N, C-alpha and C. Protein backbone atom coordinates (compact mmCIF):
# COMPACT_ATOMS: atom_id res chain seq x y z
N ASP A 1 1.22 -31.94 14.16
CA ASP A 1 1.80 -30.69 14.61
C ASP A 1 2.77 -30.12 13.57
N ASP A 2 3.54 -31.01 12.93
CA ASP A 2 4.47 -30.54 11.91
C ASP A 2 3.73 -29.91 10.74
N GLU A 3 2.59 -30.51 10.36
CA GLU A 3 1.80 -29.95 9.26
C GLU A 3 1.26 -28.58 9.64
N LEU A 4 0.81 -28.42 10.90
CA LEU A 4 0.27 -27.14 11.32
C LEU A 4 1.36 -26.06 11.30
N ARG A 5 2.58 -26.42 11.69
CA ARG A 5 3.66 -25.44 11.70
C ARG A 5 3.92 -24.90 10.30
N LEU A 6 3.69 -25.74 9.29
CA LEU A 6 3.86 -25.27 7.92
C LEU A 6 2.79 -24.26 7.52
N LEU A 7 1.70 -24.21 8.29
CA LEU A 7 0.59 -23.32 7.98
C LEU A 7 0.55 -22.10 8.90
N THR A 8 1.62 -21.87 9.65
CA THR A 8 1.67 -20.74 10.57
C THR A 8 2.89 -19.88 10.28
N LEU A 9 2.78 -18.61 10.61
CA LEU A 9 3.87 -17.66 10.43
C LEU A 9 4.03 -16.86 11.71
N HIS A 10 5.27 -16.53 12.04
CA HIS A 10 5.56 -15.81 13.26
C HIS A 10 6.49 -14.65 12.94
N ARG A 11 6.11 -13.45 13.38
CA ARG A 11 6.93 -12.26 13.17
C ARG A 11 7.21 -11.65 14.53
N ALA A 12 8.48 -11.45 14.86
CA ALA A 12 8.85 -10.94 16.18
C ALA A 12 9.82 -9.78 16.04
N PRO A 13 9.38 -8.54 16.28
CA PRO A 13 10.30 -7.40 16.29
C PRO A 13 11.22 -7.46 17.50
N ALA A 14 12.23 -6.65 17.49
CA ALA A 14 13.23 -6.71 18.56
C ALA A 14 12.62 -6.42 19.93
N GLU A 15 11.72 -5.45 20.00
CA GLU A 15 11.12 -5.07 21.28
C GLU A 15 9.60 -4.98 21.12
N PRO A 16 8.92 -6.12 21.06
CA PRO A 16 7.46 -6.08 20.86
C PRO A 16 6.74 -5.53 22.09
N LYS A 17 5.71 -4.74 21.82
CA LYS A 17 4.88 -4.20 22.90
C LYS A 17 3.50 -4.86 22.93
N ARG A 18 3.15 -5.56 21.84
CA ARG A 18 1.86 -6.23 21.77
C ARG A 18 2.05 -7.60 21.13
N ARG A 19 1.25 -8.56 21.55
CA ARG A 19 1.25 -9.89 20.96
C ARG A 19 -0.14 -10.15 20.38
N LEU A 20 -0.19 -10.41 19.08
CA LEU A 20 -1.46 -10.53 18.36
C LEU A 20 -1.46 -11.81 17.53
N CYS A 21 -2.63 -12.42 17.43
CA CYS A 21 -2.78 -13.63 16.63
C CYS A 21 -3.93 -13.45 15.64
N LEU A 22 -3.69 -13.75 14.36
CA LEU A 22 -4.69 -13.66 13.32
C LEU A 22 -4.85 -15.02 12.65
N SER A 23 -6.08 -15.37 12.32
CA SER A 23 -6.32 -16.62 11.62
C SER A 23 -7.43 -16.46 10.59
N SER A 24 -7.45 -17.39 9.65
CA SER A 24 -8.49 -17.37 8.61
C SER A 24 -8.61 -18.77 8.02
N GLY A 25 -9.64 -18.96 7.19
CA GLY A 25 -9.76 -20.18 6.41
C GLY A 25 -10.21 -21.41 7.16
N ILE A 26 -10.83 -21.25 8.32
CA ILE A 26 -11.30 -22.43 9.04
C ILE A 26 -12.54 -23.03 8.38
N HIS A 27 -13.27 -22.21 7.62
CA HIS A 27 -14.36 -22.71 6.77
C HIS A 27 -13.87 -22.62 5.32
N GLY A 28 -13.77 -23.76 4.67
CA GLY A 28 -13.16 -23.80 3.36
C GLY A 28 -13.92 -23.10 2.26
N ASP A 29 -15.23 -22.85 2.46
CA ASP A 29 -16.02 -22.17 1.44
C ASP A 29 -16.12 -20.67 1.69
N GLU A 30 -15.17 -20.13 2.45
CA GLU A 30 -15.10 -18.69 2.70
C GLU A 30 -13.75 -18.18 2.21
N PRO A 31 -13.55 -18.20 0.88
CA PRO A 31 -12.21 -17.95 0.33
C PRO A 31 -11.68 -16.54 0.53
N ALA A 32 -12.57 -15.55 0.72
CA ALA A 32 -12.08 -14.19 0.88
C ALA A 32 -11.19 -14.05 2.10
N ALA A 33 -11.41 -14.88 3.12
CA ALA A 33 -10.63 -14.76 4.35
C ALA A 33 -9.15 -15.10 4.13
N PRO A 34 -8.81 -16.31 3.64
CA PRO A 34 -7.39 -16.58 3.38
C PRO A 34 -6.81 -15.72 2.27
N LEU A 35 -7.64 -15.31 1.31
CA LEU A 35 -7.12 -14.41 0.27
C LEU A 35 -6.78 -13.04 0.85
N ALA A 36 -7.56 -12.58 1.82
CA ALA A 36 -7.23 -11.33 2.50
C ALA A 36 -5.93 -11.48 3.28
N MET A 37 -5.76 -12.61 3.93
CA MET A 37 -4.52 -12.85 4.66
C MET A 37 -3.34 -12.88 3.69
N ARG A 38 -3.53 -13.53 2.54
CA ARG A 38 -2.45 -13.57 1.55
C ARG A 38 -2.09 -12.16 1.09
N GLN A 39 -3.09 -11.32 0.86
CA GLN A 39 -2.81 -9.96 0.42
C GLN A 39 -2.02 -9.20 1.47
N MET A 40 -2.39 -9.37 2.74
CA MET A 40 -1.67 -8.67 3.80
C MET A 40 -0.23 -9.17 3.91
N LEU A 41 -0.03 -10.47 3.69
CA LEU A 41 1.33 -11.00 3.70
C LEU A 41 2.15 -10.46 2.53
N GLN A 42 1.52 -10.35 1.37
CA GLN A 42 2.23 -9.81 0.21
C GLN A 42 2.58 -8.34 0.42
N GLU A 43 1.66 -7.58 1.00
CA GLU A 43 1.93 -6.16 1.25
C GLU A 43 2.95 -5.99 2.37
N ASN A 44 2.92 -6.90 3.35
CA ASN A 44 3.92 -6.95 4.42
C ASN A 44 4.02 -5.63 5.19
N VAL A 45 2.87 -5.07 5.51
CA VAL A 45 2.83 -3.83 6.30
C VAL A 45 2.16 -4.16 7.63
N TRP A 46 2.96 -4.22 8.67
CA TRP A 46 2.46 -4.60 9.99
C TRP A 46 2.91 -3.59 11.02
N PRO A 47 2.21 -3.47 12.15
CA PRO A 47 2.66 -2.55 13.20
C PRO A 47 4.07 -2.89 13.67
N ALA A 48 4.92 -1.89 13.77
CA ALA A 48 6.32 -2.13 14.12
C ALA A 48 6.48 -2.67 15.54
N ASP A 49 5.50 -2.39 16.41
CA ASP A 49 5.64 -2.78 17.81
C ASP A 49 4.97 -4.11 18.13
N ALA A 50 4.45 -4.81 17.11
CA ALA A 50 3.62 -6.00 17.36
C ALA A 50 4.35 -7.29 17.01
N GLU A 51 4.29 -8.25 17.92
CA GLU A 51 4.70 -9.61 17.64
C GLU A 51 3.47 -10.35 17.14
N LEU A 52 3.57 -10.98 15.98
CA LEU A 52 2.41 -11.54 15.29
C LEU A 52 2.53 -13.04 15.09
N TRP A 53 1.42 -13.72 15.29
CA TRP A 53 1.28 -15.13 14.93
C TRP A 53 0.14 -15.21 13.92
N LEU A 54 0.39 -15.78 12.74
CA LEU A 54 -0.59 -15.83 11.66
C LEU A 54 -0.87 -17.28 11.27
N CYS A 55 -2.16 -17.59 11.15
CA CYS A 55 -2.60 -18.89 10.66
C CYS A 55 -3.46 -18.63 9.42
N PRO A 56 -2.86 -18.63 8.24
CA PRO A 56 -3.57 -18.18 7.03
C PRO A 56 -4.70 -19.08 6.56
N CYS A 57 -4.62 -20.40 6.83
CA CYS A 57 -5.66 -21.30 6.32
C CYS A 57 -5.75 -22.53 7.23
N LEU A 58 -6.67 -22.49 8.18
CA LEU A 58 -6.79 -23.56 9.17
C LEU A 58 -7.50 -24.81 8.64
N ASN A 59 -8.12 -24.70 7.49
CA ASN A 59 -8.83 -25.84 6.91
C ASN A 59 -8.41 -26.00 5.45
N PRO A 60 -7.17 -26.41 5.20
CA PRO A 60 -6.69 -26.47 3.81
C PRO A 60 -7.43 -27.49 2.96
N THR A 61 -7.89 -28.60 3.55
CA THR A 61 -8.60 -29.58 2.73
C THR A 61 -9.97 -29.05 2.32
N GLY A 62 -10.65 -28.35 3.22
CA GLY A 62 -11.93 -27.74 2.87
C GLY A 62 -11.77 -26.62 1.87
N PHE A 63 -10.68 -25.86 1.99
CA PHE A 63 -10.42 -24.77 1.06
C PHE A 63 -10.24 -25.30 -0.35
N SER A 64 -9.49 -26.39 -0.48
CA SER A 64 -9.26 -26.95 -1.82
C SER A 64 -10.53 -27.52 -2.43
N LEU A 65 -11.49 -27.93 -1.57
CA LEU A 65 -12.76 -28.50 -2.05
C LEU A 65 -13.88 -27.46 -2.10
N ASN A 66 -13.61 -26.26 -1.60
CA ASN A 66 -14.63 -25.21 -1.49
C ASN A 66 -15.82 -25.68 -0.66
N THR A 67 -15.51 -26.34 0.47
CA THR A 67 -16.56 -26.80 1.38
C THR A 67 -16.33 -26.19 2.76
N ARG A 68 -17.43 -25.94 3.47
CA ARG A 68 -17.33 -25.41 4.83
C ARG A 68 -16.55 -26.37 5.72
N GLU A 69 -16.83 -27.65 5.58
CA GLU A 69 -16.22 -28.67 6.42
C GLU A 69 -14.86 -29.11 5.86
N SER A 70 -14.14 -29.86 6.67
CA SER A 70 -12.89 -30.48 6.22
C SER A 70 -13.21 -31.63 5.29
N THR A 71 -12.19 -32.24 4.73
CA THR A 71 -12.42 -33.38 3.84
C THR A 71 -13.08 -34.55 4.56
N ALA A 72 -12.96 -34.59 5.89
CA ALA A 72 -13.62 -35.64 6.67
C ALA A 72 -15.07 -35.29 7.01
N GLY A 73 -15.52 -34.10 6.60
CA GLY A 73 -16.90 -33.71 6.85
C GLY A 73 -17.13 -33.03 8.18
N ASP A 74 -16.08 -32.53 8.83
CA ASP A 74 -16.20 -31.90 10.14
C ASP A 74 -16.20 -30.38 10.02
N ASP A 75 -17.11 -29.73 10.76
CA ASP A 75 -17.07 -28.28 10.89
C ASP A 75 -16.03 -27.95 11.97
N LEU A 76 -14.84 -27.60 11.55
CA LEU A 76 -13.73 -27.41 12.48
C LEU A 76 -13.99 -26.28 13.47
N ASN A 77 -14.81 -25.32 13.07
CA ASN A 77 -15.06 -24.17 13.95
C ASN A 77 -16.15 -24.45 14.99
N ARG A 78 -16.48 -25.71 15.17
CA ARG A 78 -17.40 -26.10 16.25
C ARG A 78 -16.76 -27.18 17.13
N ASP A 79 -15.44 -27.29 17.06
CA ASP A 79 -14.77 -28.42 17.71
C ASP A 79 -13.76 -27.99 18.78
N TYR A 80 -13.91 -26.79 19.32
CA TYR A 80 -12.88 -26.28 20.22
C TYR A 80 -13.16 -26.53 21.70
N LYS A 81 -14.36 -26.94 22.05
CA LYS A 81 -14.63 -27.18 23.48
C LYS A 81 -13.90 -28.42 23.96
N LYS A 82 -14.07 -29.52 23.27
CA LYS A 82 -13.35 -30.77 23.54
C LYS A 82 -12.89 -31.31 22.19
N PRO A 83 -11.78 -30.81 21.69
CA PRO A 83 -11.37 -31.12 20.32
C PRO A 83 -11.28 -32.61 20.02
N GLN A 84 -11.89 -32.98 18.89
CA GLN A 84 -11.86 -34.36 18.42
C GLN A 84 -11.13 -34.49 17.08
N THR A 85 -11.18 -33.46 16.26
CA THR A 85 -10.57 -33.55 14.94
C THR A 85 -9.06 -33.35 15.04
N PRO A 86 -8.30 -34.00 14.16
CA PRO A 86 -6.83 -33.83 14.21
C PRO A 86 -6.41 -32.39 13.97
N GLU A 87 -7.15 -31.67 13.10
CA GLU A 87 -6.79 -30.28 12.81
C GLU A 87 -6.88 -29.40 14.05
N ILE A 88 -7.98 -29.51 14.79
CA ILE A 88 -8.17 -28.63 15.94
C ILE A 88 -7.35 -29.10 17.14
N ARG A 89 -7.14 -30.38 17.27
CA ARG A 89 -6.22 -30.85 18.31
C ARG A 89 -4.83 -30.26 18.08
N ALA A 90 -4.40 -30.27 16.83
CA ALA A 90 -3.08 -29.71 16.51
C ALA A 90 -3.07 -28.20 16.74
N HIS A 91 -4.15 -27.51 16.36
CA HIS A 91 -4.20 -26.07 16.53
C HIS A 91 -4.18 -25.68 18.00
N VAL A 92 -5.00 -26.35 18.81
CA VAL A 92 -5.04 -26.06 20.24
C VAL A 92 -3.70 -26.39 20.90
N GLY A 93 -3.09 -27.49 20.46
CA GLY A 93 -1.77 -27.83 20.99
C GLY A 93 -0.74 -26.78 20.66
N TRP A 94 -0.78 -26.30 19.42
CA TRP A 94 0.14 -25.24 19.00
C TRP A 94 -0.11 -23.96 19.78
N LEU A 95 -1.38 -23.56 19.92
CA LEU A 95 -1.71 -22.35 20.68
C LEU A 95 -1.22 -22.45 22.11
N GLY A 96 -1.31 -23.64 22.69
CA GLY A 96 -0.86 -23.82 24.06
C GLY A 96 0.62 -23.58 24.25
N GLN A 97 1.40 -23.65 23.18
CA GLN A 97 2.84 -23.41 23.24
C GLN A 97 3.19 -21.93 23.08
N GLN A 98 2.19 -21.10 22.75
CA GLN A 98 2.44 -19.68 22.53
C GLN A 98 2.10 -18.89 23.79
N PRO A 99 2.62 -17.68 23.93
CA PRO A 99 2.25 -16.83 25.05
C PRO A 99 0.81 -16.33 24.89
N ASP A 100 0.28 -15.74 25.94
CA ASP A 100 -1.04 -15.11 25.83
C ASP A 100 -0.95 -13.93 24.87
N PHE A 101 -2.09 -13.64 24.22
CA PHE A 101 -2.15 -12.56 23.24
C PHE A 101 -2.90 -11.36 23.80
N ASP A 102 -2.53 -10.17 23.35
CA ASP A 102 -3.27 -8.97 23.74
C ASP A 102 -4.66 -8.97 23.10
N PHE A 103 -4.74 -9.41 21.85
CA PHE A 103 -6.04 -9.69 21.24
C PHE A 103 -5.84 -10.57 20.02
N THR A 104 -6.94 -11.13 19.55
CA THR A 104 -6.90 -12.04 18.41
C THR A 104 -7.97 -11.64 17.40
N ILE A 105 -7.75 -12.02 16.14
CA ILE A 105 -8.67 -11.67 15.05
C ILE A 105 -8.90 -12.91 14.19
N GLN A 106 -10.15 -13.18 13.87
CA GLN A 106 -10.50 -14.24 12.92
C GLN A 106 -11.23 -13.62 11.72
N LEU A 107 -10.93 -14.12 10.54
CA LEU A 107 -11.55 -13.64 9.31
C LEU A 107 -12.48 -14.71 8.75
N HIS A 108 -13.70 -14.26 8.40
CA HIS A 108 -14.73 -15.17 7.91
C HIS A 108 -15.54 -14.51 6.80
N GLU A 109 -16.43 -15.30 6.22
CA GLU A 109 -17.49 -14.81 5.34
C GLU A 109 -18.83 -15.35 5.84
N ASP A 110 -19.91 -14.68 5.45
CA ASP A 110 -21.26 -15.13 5.79
C ASP A 110 -22.11 -15.05 4.52
N TRP A 111 -22.57 -16.20 4.04
CA TRP A 111 -23.33 -16.22 2.78
C TRP A 111 -24.72 -15.61 2.93
N GLU A 112 -25.20 -15.46 4.16
CA GLU A 112 -26.51 -14.86 4.38
C GLU A 112 -26.44 -13.36 4.67
N ALA A 113 -25.25 -12.83 4.85
CA ALA A 113 -25.09 -11.44 5.27
C ALA A 113 -25.48 -10.47 4.16
N LYS A 114 -26.01 -9.33 4.58
CA LYS A 114 -26.36 -8.25 3.65
C LYS A 114 -25.25 -7.21 3.57
N GLY A 115 -24.20 -7.42 4.32
CA GLY A 115 -23.07 -6.50 4.34
C GLY A 115 -22.06 -6.99 5.37
N PHE A 116 -21.06 -6.19 5.61
CA PHE A 116 -20.02 -6.52 6.58
C PHE A 116 -20.57 -6.35 8.00
N TYR A 117 -20.13 -7.22 8.90
CA TYR A 117 -20.37 -7.05 10.34
C TYR A 117 -19.28 -7.78 11.09
N PHE A 118 -19.19 -7.56 12.39
CA PHE A 118 -18.18 -8.28 13.15
C PHE A 118 -18.58 -8.41 14.61
N TYR A 119 -17.90 -9.37 15.27
CA TYR A 119 -18.13 -9.68 16.68
C TYR A 119 -16.99 -9.13 17.52
N GLU A 120 -17.35 -8.65 18.70
CA GLU A 120 -16.34 -8.30 19.70
C GLU A 120 -16.61 -9.13 20.96
N LEU A 121 -15.61 -9.92 21.36
CA LEU A 121 -15.68 -10.68 22.59
C LEU A 121 -14.72 -10.05 23.58
N LYS A 122 -15.26 -9.51 24.68
CA LYS A 122 -14.44 -8.85 25.69
C LYS A 122 -14.62 -9.54 27.04
N MET A 123 -13.50 -9.85 27.68
CA MET A 123 -13.54 -10.50 28.98
C MET A 123 -13.16 -9.56 30.12
N ASN A 124 -12.98 -8.27 29.82
CA ASN A 124 -12.71 -7.28 30.86
C ASN A 124 -13.27 -5.93 30.43
N ASP A 125 -13.00 -4.91 31.21
CA ASP A 125 -13.57 -3.58 30.94
C ASP A 125 -12.59 -2.65 30.22
N THR A 126 -11.59 -3.20 29.59
CA THR A 126 -10.65 -2.36 28.85
C THR A 126 -11.39 -1.59 27.76
N PRO A 127 -11.22 -0.27 27.71
CA PRO A 127 -11.93 0.52 26.68
C PRO A 127 -11.47 0.12 25.27
N THR A 128 -12.42 -0.01 24.38
CA THR A 128 -12.12 -0.29 22.98
C THR A 128 -12.96 0.64 22.10
N GLN A 129 -12.57 0.73 20.84
CA GLN A 129 -13.29 1.59 19.89
C GLN A 129 -13.60 0.79 18.62
N PRO A 130 -14.44 -0.24 18.75
CA PRO A 130 -14.68 -1.11 17.59
C PRO A 130 -15.37 -0.42 16.42
N ARG A 131 -16.11 0.65 16.69
CA ARG A 131 -16.85 1.28 15.59
C ARG A 131 -15.94 1.98 14.58
N ARG A 132 -14.69 2.17 14.94
CA ARG A 132 -13.74 2.69 13.95
C ARG A 132 -13.64 1.75 12.76
N VAL A 133 -13.78 0.45 13.02
CA VAL A 133 -13.72 -0.54 11.94
C VAL A 133 -14.86 -0.29 10.95
N LEU A 134 -16.05 -0.10 11.47
CA LEU A 134 -17.21 0.10 10.60
C LEU A 134 -17.08 1.39 9.81
N ASP A 135 -16.52 2.42 10.41
CA ASP A 135 -16.35 3.69 9.70
C ASP A 135 -15.42 3.54 8.50
N VAL A 136 -14.39 2.71 8.64
CA VAL A 136 -13.44 2.52 7.55
C VAL A 136 -13.97 1.57 6.49
N VAL A 137 -14.68 0.53 6.92
CA VAL A 137 -15.18 -0.47 5.97
C VAL A 137 -16.38 0.07 5.16
N ARG A 138 -17.18 0.93 5.76
CA ARG A 138 -18.44 1.37 5.13
C ARG A 138 -18.26 1.91 3.71
N PRO A 139 -17.25 2.74 3.41
CA PRO A 139 -17.09 3.22 2.03
C PRO A 139 -16.72 2.11 1.03
N ILE A 140 -16.23 0.99 1.54
CA ILE A 140 -15.80 -0.12 0.68
C ILE A 140 -16.91 -1.14 0.50
N CYS A 141 -17.63 -1.42 1.59
CA CYS A 141 -18.64 -2.47 1.61
C CYS A 141 -19.77 -2.04 2.53
N PRO A 142 -21.02 -2.22 2.14
CA PRO A 142 -22.13 -1.88 3.04
C PRO A 142 -22.03 -2.63 4.36
N ILE A 143 -22.57 -2.02 5.40
CA ILE A 143 -22.64 -2.65 6.71
C ILE A 143 -24.00 -3.34 6.84
N ASP A 144 -24.01 -4.55 7.37
CA ASP A 144 -25.27 -5.27 7.57
C ASP A 144 -25.99 -4.66 8.78
N LEU A 145 -27.14 -4.05 8.54
CA LEU A 145 -27.90 -3.40 9.60
C LEU A 145 -29.09 -4.23 10.05
N SER A 146 -29.13 -5.50 9.69
CA SER A 146 -30.20 -6.38 10.16
C SER A 146 -30.25 -6.36 11.69
N PRO A 147 -31.43 -6.24 12.27
CA PRO A 147 -31.51 -6.17 13.75
C PRO A 147 -31.02 -7.43 14.44
N VAL A 148 -31.13 -8.57 13.77
CA VAL A 148 -30.68 -9.84 14.34
C VAL A 148 -29.88 -10.60 13.28
N ILE A 149 -28.72 -11.12 13.68
CA ILE A 149 -27.88 -11.94 12.80
C ILE A 149 -27.55 -13.22 13.55
N ASP A 150 -27.89 -14.34 12.93
CA ASP A 150 -27.60 -15.65 13.52
C ASP A 150 -28.14 -15.74 14.96
N GLY A 151 -29.31 -15.17 15.17
CA GLY A 151 -29.95 -15.25 16.47
C GLY A 151 -29.42 -14.28 17.51
N ARG A 152 -28.52 -13.38 17.12
CA ARG A 152 -27.92 -12.44 18.08
C ARG A 152 -28.26 -11.02 17.69
N LYS A 153 -28.41 -10.16 18.68
CA LYS A 153 -28.71 -8.75 18.44
C LYS A 153 -27.54 -8.09 17.72
N ASN A 154 -27.87 -7.42 16.63
CA ASN A 154 -26.86 -6.73 15.83
C ASN A 154 -27.00 -5.23 16.06
N ASP A 155 -25.97 -4.63 16.63
CA ASP A 155 -25.98 -3.19 16.91
C ASP A 155 -25.28 -2.46 15.77
N ARG A 156 -25.99 -2.32 14.63
CA ARG A 156 -25.51 -1.56 13.47
C ARG A 156 -24.16 -2.07 12.96
N GLY A 157 -24.02 -3.39 12.94
CA GLY A 157 -22.80 -3.98 12.41
C GLY A 157 -21.88 -4.56 13.45
N LEU A 158 -22.20 -4.38 14.73
CA LEU A 158 -21.36 -4.87 15.83
C LEU A 158 -22.19 -5.79 16.73
N ILE A 159 -21.66 -6.98 17.00
CA ILE A 159 -22.36 -7.97 17.82
C ILE A 159 -21.48 -8.33 19.01
N HIS A 160 -22.10 -8.40 20.19
CA HIS A 160 -21.42 -8.86 21.40
C HIS A 160 -22.08 -10.17 21.84
N PRO A 161 -21.50 -11.32 21.52
CA PRO A 161 -22.12 -12.61 21.84
C PRO A 161 -22.11 -12.92 23.33
N GLU A 162 -22.93 -13.89 23.70
CA GLU A 162 -22.97 -14.40 25.07
C GLU A 162 -21.62 -15.02 25.43
N LEU A 163 -21.12 -14.68 26.63
CA LEU A 163 -19.80 -15.15 27.03
C LEU A 163 -19.84 -16.24 28.10
N ASP A 164 -21.02 -16.68 28.49
CA ASP A 164 -21.13 -17.72 29.51
C ASP A 164 -20.84 -19.08 28.88
N PRO A 165 -19.74 -19.74 29.28
CA PRO A 165 -19.41 -21.03 28.64
C PRO A 165 -20.46 -22.10 28.90
N ALA A 166 -21.24 -21.94 29.95
CA ALA A 166 -22.25 -22.95 30.27
C ALA A 166 -23.34 -23.04 29.21
N VAL A 167 -23.56 -21.95 28.48
CA VAL A 167 -24.63 -21.94 27.48
C VAL A 167 -24.10 -22.18 26.06
N ARG A 168 -22.80 -22.44 25.94
CA ARG A 168 -22.21 -22.68 24.63
C ARG A 168 -21.85 -24.15 24.51
N GLU A 169 -22.70 -24.92 23.87
CA GLU A 169 -22.45 -26.34 23.72
C GLU A 169 -21.28 -26.61 22.79
N LEU A 170 -21.21 -25.85 21.71
CA LEU A 170 -20.14 -26.00 20.74
C LEU A 170 -19.30 -24.73 20.73
N TRP A 171 -18.01 -24.87 20.88
CA TRP A 171 -17.14 -23.70 20.94
C TRP A 171 -16.46 -23.46 19.60
N PRO A 172 -16.59 -22.25 19.05
CA PRO A 172 -15.78 -21.87 17.90
C PRO A 172 -14.39 -21.45 18.36
N GLU A 173 -13.52 -21.22 17.41
CA GLU A 173 -12.15 -20.80 17.71
C GLU A 173 -12.11 -19.55 18.57
N ALA A 174 -12.93 -18.56 18.22
CA ALA A 174 -12.91 -17.29 18.96
C ALA A 174 -13.25 -17.49 20.42
N PHE A 175 -14.21 -18.34 20.71
CA PHE A 175 -14.63 -18.55 22.09
C PHE A 175 -13.53 -19.26 22.88
N TRP A 176 -12.87 -20.24 22.27
CA TRP A 176 -11.76 -20.91 22.95
C TRP A 176 -10.66 -19.91 23.26
N LEU A 177 -10.39 -19.03 22.34
CA LEU A 177 -9.31 -18.06 22.54
C LEU A 177 -9.57 -17.14 23.73
N VAL A 178 -10.81 -16.62 23.85
CA VAL A 178 -11.07 -15.71 24.97
C VAL A 178 -11.15 -16.46 26.30
N MET A 179 -11.37 -17.74 26.25
CA MET A 179 -11.38 -18.52 27.48
C MET A 179 -9.98 -18.99 27.89
N ASN A 180 -9.03 -18.94 26.95
CA ASN A 180 -7.73 -19.55 27.24
C ASN A 180 -6.51 -18.68 26.94
N LYS A 181 -6.57 -17.80 25.91
CA LYS A 181 -5.34 -17.14 25.46
C LYS A 181 -5.41 -15.63 25.39
N THR A 182 -6.60 -15.04 25.48
CA THR A 182 -6.71 -13.59 25.33
C THR A 182 -7.94 -13.11 26.08
N ARG A 183 -8.04 -11.80 26.26
CA ARG A 183 -9.23 -11.22 26.88
C ARG A 183 -10.05 -10.43 25.88
N LEU A 184 -9.59 -10.40 24.61
CA LEU A 184 -10.26 -9.60 23.60
C LEU A 184 -10.12 -10.27 22.25
N ASN A 185 -11.26 -10.45 21.57
CA ASN A 185 -11.26 -11.12 20.28
C ASN A 185 -12.21 -10.44 19.32
N TYR A 186 -11.81 -10.39 18.04
CA TYR A 186 -12.68 -9.86 16.99
C TYR A 186 -12.82 -10.90 15.88
N THR A 187 -14.05 -11.11 15.46
CA THR A 187 -14.33 -11.98 14.32
C THR A 187 -15.01 -11.15 13.24
N CYS A 188 -14.37 -11.02 12.10
CA CYS A 188 -14.86 -10.17 11.01
C CYS A 188 -15.56 -11.03 9.96
N GLU A 189 -16.72 -10.59 9.52
CA GLU A 189 -17.54 -11.34 8.57
C GLU A 189 -17.82 -10.50 7.33
N ALA A 190 -17.35 -10.98 6.18
CA ALA A 190 -17.64 -10.32 4.91
C ALA A 190 -18.83 -11.01 4.24
N PRO A 191 -19.63 -10.27 3.47
CA PRO A 191 -20.81 -10.86 2.82
C PRO A 191 -20.45 -11.63 1.55
N SER A 192 -20.76 -12.92 1.51
CA SER A 192 -20.32 -13.79 0.42
C SER A 192 -20.91 -13.43 -0.94
N ASP A 193 -22.07 -12.76 -0.97
CA ASP A 193 -22.70 -12.44 -2.24
C ASP A 193 -22.05 -11.26 -2.95
N PHE A 194 -21.14 -10.58 -2.28
CA PHE A 194 -20.49 -9.42 -2.89
C PHE A 194 -19.26 -9.87 -3.69
N PRO A 195 -18.77 -9.02 -4.61
CA PRO A 195 -17.58 -9.40 -5.40
C PRO A 195 -16.40 -9.74 -4.50
N MET A 196 -15.56 -10.64 -4.98
CA MET A 196 -14.42 -11.07 -4.18
C MET A 196 -13.54 -9.90 -3.78
N ALA A 197 -13.30 -8.98 -4.70
CA ALA A 197 -12.43 -7.84 -4.39
C ALA A 197 -13.00 -7.01 -3.24
N THR A 198 -14.33 -6.87 -3.21
CA THR A 198 -14.98 -6.12 -2.14
C THR A 198 -14.80 -6.83 -0.81
N ARG A 199 -15.02 -8.14 -0.81
CA ARG A 199 -14.90 -8.91 0.43
C ARG A 199 -13.47 -8.88 0.97
N VAL A 200 -12.50 -9.08 0.09
CA VAL A 200 -11.11 -9.07 0.51
C VAL A 200 -10.72 -7.70 1.05
N SER A 201 -11.14 -6.65 0.35
CA SER A 201 -10.81 -5.30 0.79
C SER A 201 -11.44 -4.98 2.14
N ALA A 202 -12.69 -5.40 2.34
CA ALA A 202 -13.36 -5.14 3.61
C ALA A 202 -12.62 -5.82 4.75
N LEU A 203 -12.21 -7.06 4.56
CA LEU A 203 -11.51 -7.79 5.62
C LEU A 203 -10.13 -7.20 5.89
N THR A 204 -9.39 -6.86 4.84
CA THR A 204 -8.05 -6.31 5.07
C THR A 204 -8.12 -4.94 5.74
N LYS A 205 -9.09 -4.12 5.37
CA LYS A 205 -9.24 -2.82 6.00
C LYS A 205 -9.62 -2.97 7.47
N ALA A 206 -10.51 -3.91 7.76
CA ALA A 206 -10.91 -4.15 9.15
C ALA A 206 -9.69 -4.53 9.99
N VAL A 207 -8.86 -5.42 9.46
CA VAL A 207 -7.67 -5.85 10.20
C VAL A 207 -6.72 -4.68 10.41
N GLN A 208 -6.52 -3.87 9.38
CA GLN A 208 -5.62 -2.73 9.51
C GLN A 208 -6.06 -1.79 10.61
N VAL A 209 -7.36 -1.54 10.70
CA VAL A 209 -7.86 -0.65 11.76
C VAL A 209 -7.66 -1.29 13.14
N LEU A 210 -7.98 -2.57 13.24
CA LEU A 210 -7.82 -3.24 14.53
C LEU A 210 -6.37 -3.28 14.97
N LEU A 211 -5.45 -3.51 14.05
CA LEU A 211 -4.03 -3.55 14.39
C LEU A 211 -3.51 -2.17 14.77
N ALA A 212 -4.12 -1.14 14.21
CA ALA A 212 -3.67 0.21 14.53
C ALA A 212 -4.06 0.64 15.92
C-alpha cells in the first residue's frame, strides 16, 4: 500500500463539485498512456471544480521492461474480479478508501488499432456526449472505423461493451470501477503504430474533452 501511495496523486480544490479518477500504465508496453499523464501533470491545467485522483503508472515493473505484463508475468488488467496480484490488491484496497467518483478515465494503447477509439461504460441513463472526444481527436489522429474491434461492435470509434458481470470471466480495471466506484467510465485507446507524439496528443486531448 505504501508503494502504491507513491504512485498516486490527489488534487482537492476548496469546493469540489466533481470527483474524478484517471489512471494509466497498467500495460507496460503502452508507453503513450503514462507519457500523456506526465504531460498533463507538467502542464497542470485541470478543471477548477474537480477533485482529482491520478494513478500515472499502475504497472511500473512492466513499464521499465516494456512488457504488457508485470515483472511476475501477470496481466494486471485482467485481475480485478478476484484480485490475486499484489499490485491489484493494493490498487483495489486504495480505491476502497476513496469516495465514489462521478466518472473515471483509463488511458491505453492498442497495437492492432488503425486509429484512436474509446469505450464508454454507463450504468445509468445520464445523458453524455462522447462523440465530442472523437471530433477533437480526429484532426490529430485518425479514428479507427473498423466495424469490429476486439470482438465488439465499433460505432465509428465508440464502443459500448457488455455490462453483465455474469459474462465477464476476467475483469479489467474499468469494469471493476463501474461495478464498485462509479456509474460512468471511459477507456481511451491510441494506435501503437502511430508516432509517439501523435499517440500522446490524442490521449491528452481526449482527456481534456472528457474533463470539460
